[in-house]
Amino acid sequence: PVSAPLRWDEVGVAHPHDFDLATMPARFAELGDVHADMDDKRYSLEALLDLARRDEHDHGLGDLPYPPEYPKMPGEPRRVQPSRARKEKEPPTAP
C-alpha cells in the first residue's frame, strides 16, 4: 500500500490495499491530483485553539507527556503508564 489522497465520498469505502504502485498511475490519470486546490482556501484555527484552551481550563486537559528525551515541562502529567503509577498516599486521618 501507498499513501493516497482521497475524496470525501471515498473515505468510508476505500481500503489501504486499493492503493499501490501499480494502481496509482491510473488513479492520477483518471482523477488528477485531488489535493491540487487544497491551499486555495484559508481557514482560521481560532476555534480549535479556543477548544484547546477551554479543555485545559475547564477539564485540566493539557499537553500529552513529552518523549523521555525532553526535559519535563511545567504542568506536564507524570510520565508513567497508568497501570504502573503509584497511587499518592493519603495523609493519615486523625482518630
C-alpha atoms as a PDB file:
ATOM      1  CA  PRO A   1       0.000   0.000   0.000  1.00  0.00           C
ATOM      2  CA  VAL A   2       0.970   3.604  -0.595  1.00  0.00           C
ATOM      3  CA  SER A   3      -0.351   6.868   0.783  1.00  0.00           C
ATOM      4  CA  ALA A   4      -3.131   8.200  -1.442  1.00  0.00           C
ATOM      5  CA  PRO A   5      -5.248  11.350  -1.198  1.00  0.00           C
ATOM      6  CA  LEU A   6      -8.956  10.533  -1.001  1.00  0.00           C
ATOM      7  CA  ARG A   7     -12.107  12.359  -1.981  1.00  0.00           C
ATOM      8  CA  TRP A   8     -14.695  12.687   0.795  1.00  0.00           C
ATOM      9  CA  ASP A   9     -17.010  10.153  -0.876  1.00  0.00           C
ATOM     10  CA  GLU A  10     -14.204   7.548  -0.741  1.00  0.00           C
ATOM     11  CA  VAL A  11     -13.388   7.882   2.954  1.00  0.00           C
ATOM     12  CA  GLY A  12     -15.865   5.267   4.207  1.00  0.00           C
ATOM     13  CA  VAL A  13     -15.317   2.745   1.432  1.00  0.00           C
ATOM     14  CA  ALA A  14     -11.637   2.924   0.473  1.00  0.00           C
ATOM     15  CA  HIS A  15      -9.253   0.268   1.736  1.00  0.00           C
ATOM     16  CA  PRO A  16      -5.481   0.798   2.028  1.00  0.00           C
ATOM     17  CA  HIS A  17      -4.788  -2.197  -0.200  1.00  0.00           C
ATOM     18  CA  ASP A  18      -6.704  -0.486  -3.045  1.00  0.00           C
ATOM     19  CA  PHE A  19      -3.740   1.843  -3.475  1.00  0.00           C
ATOM     20  CA  ASP A  20      -0.332   0.545  -4.516  1.00  0.00           C
ATOM     21  CA  LEU A  21       2.383   1.397  -7.017  1.00  0.00           C
ATOM     22  CA  ALA A  22       0.519  -0.481  -9.754  1.00  0.00           C
ATOM     23  CA  THR A  23      -2.858   1.265  -9.268  1.00  0.00           C
ATOM     24  CA  MET A  24      -1.789   4.846  -8.555  1.00  0.00           C
ATOM     25  CA  PRO A  25      -0.800   5.907 -12.118  1.00  0.00           C
ATOM     26  CA  ALA A  26      -4.293   5.024 -13.394  1.00  0.00           C
ATOM     27  CA  ARG A  27      -5.875   6.807 -10.429  1.00  0.00           C
ATOM     28  CA  PHE A  28      -3.924  10.005 -11.126  1.00  0.00           C
ATOM     29  CA  ALA A  29      -4.746   9.746 -14.843  1.00  0.00           C
ATOM     30  CA  GLU A  30      -8.468   9.428 -14.062  1.00  0.00           C
ATOM     31  CA  LEU A  31      -8.841  11.880 -11.154  1.00  0.00           C
ATOM     32  CA  GLY A  32      -5.829  14.134 -11.395  1.00  0.00           C
ATOM     33  CA  ASP A  33      -4.400  15.479  -8.162  1.00  0.00           C
ATOM     34  CA  VAL A  34      -7.383  15.547  -5.793  1.00  0.00           C
ATOM     35  CA  HIS A  35      -5.456  17.832  -3.440  1.00  0.00           C
ATOM     36  CA  ALA A  36      -4.354  20.319  -6.111  1.00  0.00           C
ATOM     37  CA  ASP A  37      -6.601  23.103  -4.766  1.00  0.00           C
ATOM     38  CA  MET A  38      -6.034  22.324  -1.085  1.00  0.00           C
ATOM     39  CA  ASP A  39      -4.064  25.520  -0.470  1.00  0.00           C
ATOM     40  CA  ASP A  40      -6.502  27.771  -2.355  1.00  0.00           C
ATOM     41  CA  LYS A  41      -8.733  28.238   0.699  1.00  0.00           C
ATOM     42  CA  ARG A  42      -7.670  29.503   4.099  1.00  0.00           C
ATOM     43  CA  TYR A  43      -9.380  28.697   7.339  1.00  0.00           C
ATOM     44  CA  SER A  44      -8.837  30.011  10.837  1.00  0.00           C
ATOM     45  CA  LEU A  45      -7.534  27.806  13.623  1.00  0.00           C
ATOM     46  CA  GLU A  46      -9.049  30.074  16.294  1.00  0.00           C
ATOM     47  CA  ALA A  47     -11.996  27.750  17.019  1.00  0.00           C
ATOM     48  CA  LEU A  48      -9.603  24.834  17.539  1.00  0.00           C
ATOM     49  CA  LEU A  49      -7.302  26.931  19.722  1.00  0.00           C
ATOM     50  CA  ASP A  50     -10.304  28.101  21.785  1.00  0.00           C
ATOM     51  CA  LEU A  51     -11.356  24.476  22.267  1.00  0.00           C
ATOM     52  CA  ALA A  52      -7.852  23.557  23.451  1.00  0.00           C
ATOM     53  CA  ARG A  53      -7.815  26.479  25.898  1.00  0.00           C
ATOM     54  CA  ARG A  54     -11.261  25.513  27.257  1.00  0.00           C
ATOM     55  CA  ASP A  55     -10.230  21.866  27.637  1.00  0.00           C
ATOM     56  CA  GLU A  56      -7.155  22.896  29.577  1.00  0.00           C
ATOM     57  CA  HIS A  57      -9.004  25.425  31.755  1.00  0.00           C
ATOM     58  CA  ASP A  58     -12.273  23.555  32.370  1.00  0.00           C
ATOM     59  CA  HIS A  59     -11.080  19.957  32.403  1.00  0.00           C
ATOM     60  CA  GLY A  60      -7.363  20.151  33.198  1.00  0.00           C
ATOM     61  CA  LEU A  61      -6.504  18.589  29.853  1.00  0.00           C
ATOM     62  CA  GLY A  62      -3.045  19.849  28.965  1.00  0.00           C
ATOM     63  CA  ASP A  63      -0.488  18.574  26.505  1.00  0.00           C
ATOM     64  CA  LEU A  64       0.381  14.915  26.362  1.00  0.00           C
ATOM     65  CA  PRO A  65       3.634  13.945  28.048  1.00  0.00           C
ATOM     66  CA  TYR A  66       6.703  14.775  26.009  1.00  0.00           C
ATOM     67  CA  PRO A  67       9.041  11.967  24.906  1.00  0.00           C
ATOM     68  CA  PRO A  68      11.506  10.975  27.639  1.00  0.00           C
ATOM     69  CA  GLU A  69      14.480  12.653  25.966  1.00  0.00           C
ATOM     70  CA  TYR A  70      12.884  16.094  26.504  1.00  0.00           C
ATOM     71  CA  PRO A  71      13.042  17.842  29.881  1.00  0.00           C
ATOM     72  CA  LYS A  72       9.860  17.651  31.930  1.00  0.00           C
ATOM     73  CA  MET A  73       7.701  20.731  31.362  1.00  0.00           C
ATOM     74  CA  PRO A  74       5.661  22.605  33.989  1.00  0.00           C
ATOM     75  CA  GLY A  75       2.163  21.154  34.322  1.00  0.00           C
ATOM     76  CA  GLU A  76       3.055  18.046  32.329  1.00  0.00           C
ATOM     77  CA  PRO A  77       1.407  14.825  33.548  1.00  0.00           C
ATOM     78  CA  ARG A  78       3.557  12.096  35.060  1.00  0.00           C
ATOM     79  CA  ARG A  79       5.492  10.034  32.537  1.00  0.00           C
ATOM     80  CA  VAL A  80       4.383   6.605  33.619  1.00  0.00           C
ATOM     81  CA  GLN A  81       1.864   4.102  32.332  1.00  0.00           C
ATOM     82  CA  PRO A  82      -1.361   4.487  34.321  1.00  0.00           C
ATOM     83  CA  SER A  83      -1.241   0.801  35.277  1.00  0.00           C
ATOM     84  CA  ARG A  84       2.236   1.303  36.797  1.00  0.00           C
ATOM     85  CA  ALA A  85       1.522   4.620  38.500  1.00  0.00           C
ATOM     86  CA  ARG A  86       1.835   4.545  42.235  1.00  0.00           C
ATOM     87  CA  LYS A  87      -1.141   5.937  43.991  1.00  0.00           C
ATOM     88  CA  GLU A  88      -0.431   9.003  46.070  1.00  0.00           C
ATOM     89  CA  LYS A  89      -0.725   8.152  49.716  1.00  0.00           C
ATOM     90  CA  GLU A  90      -3.485   9.945  51.514  1.00  0.00           C
ATOM     91  CA  PRO A  91      -2.485  11.667  54.746  1.00  0.00           C
ATOM     92  CA  PRO A  92      -3.492   9.696  57.819  1.00  0.00           C
ATOM     93  CA  THR A  93      -6.768  10.715  59.356  1.00  0.00           C
ATOM     94  CA  ALA A  94      -6.924  11.813  62.975  1.00  0.00           C
ATOM     95  CA  PRO A  95      -8.634   9.346  65.345  1.00  0.00           C
END
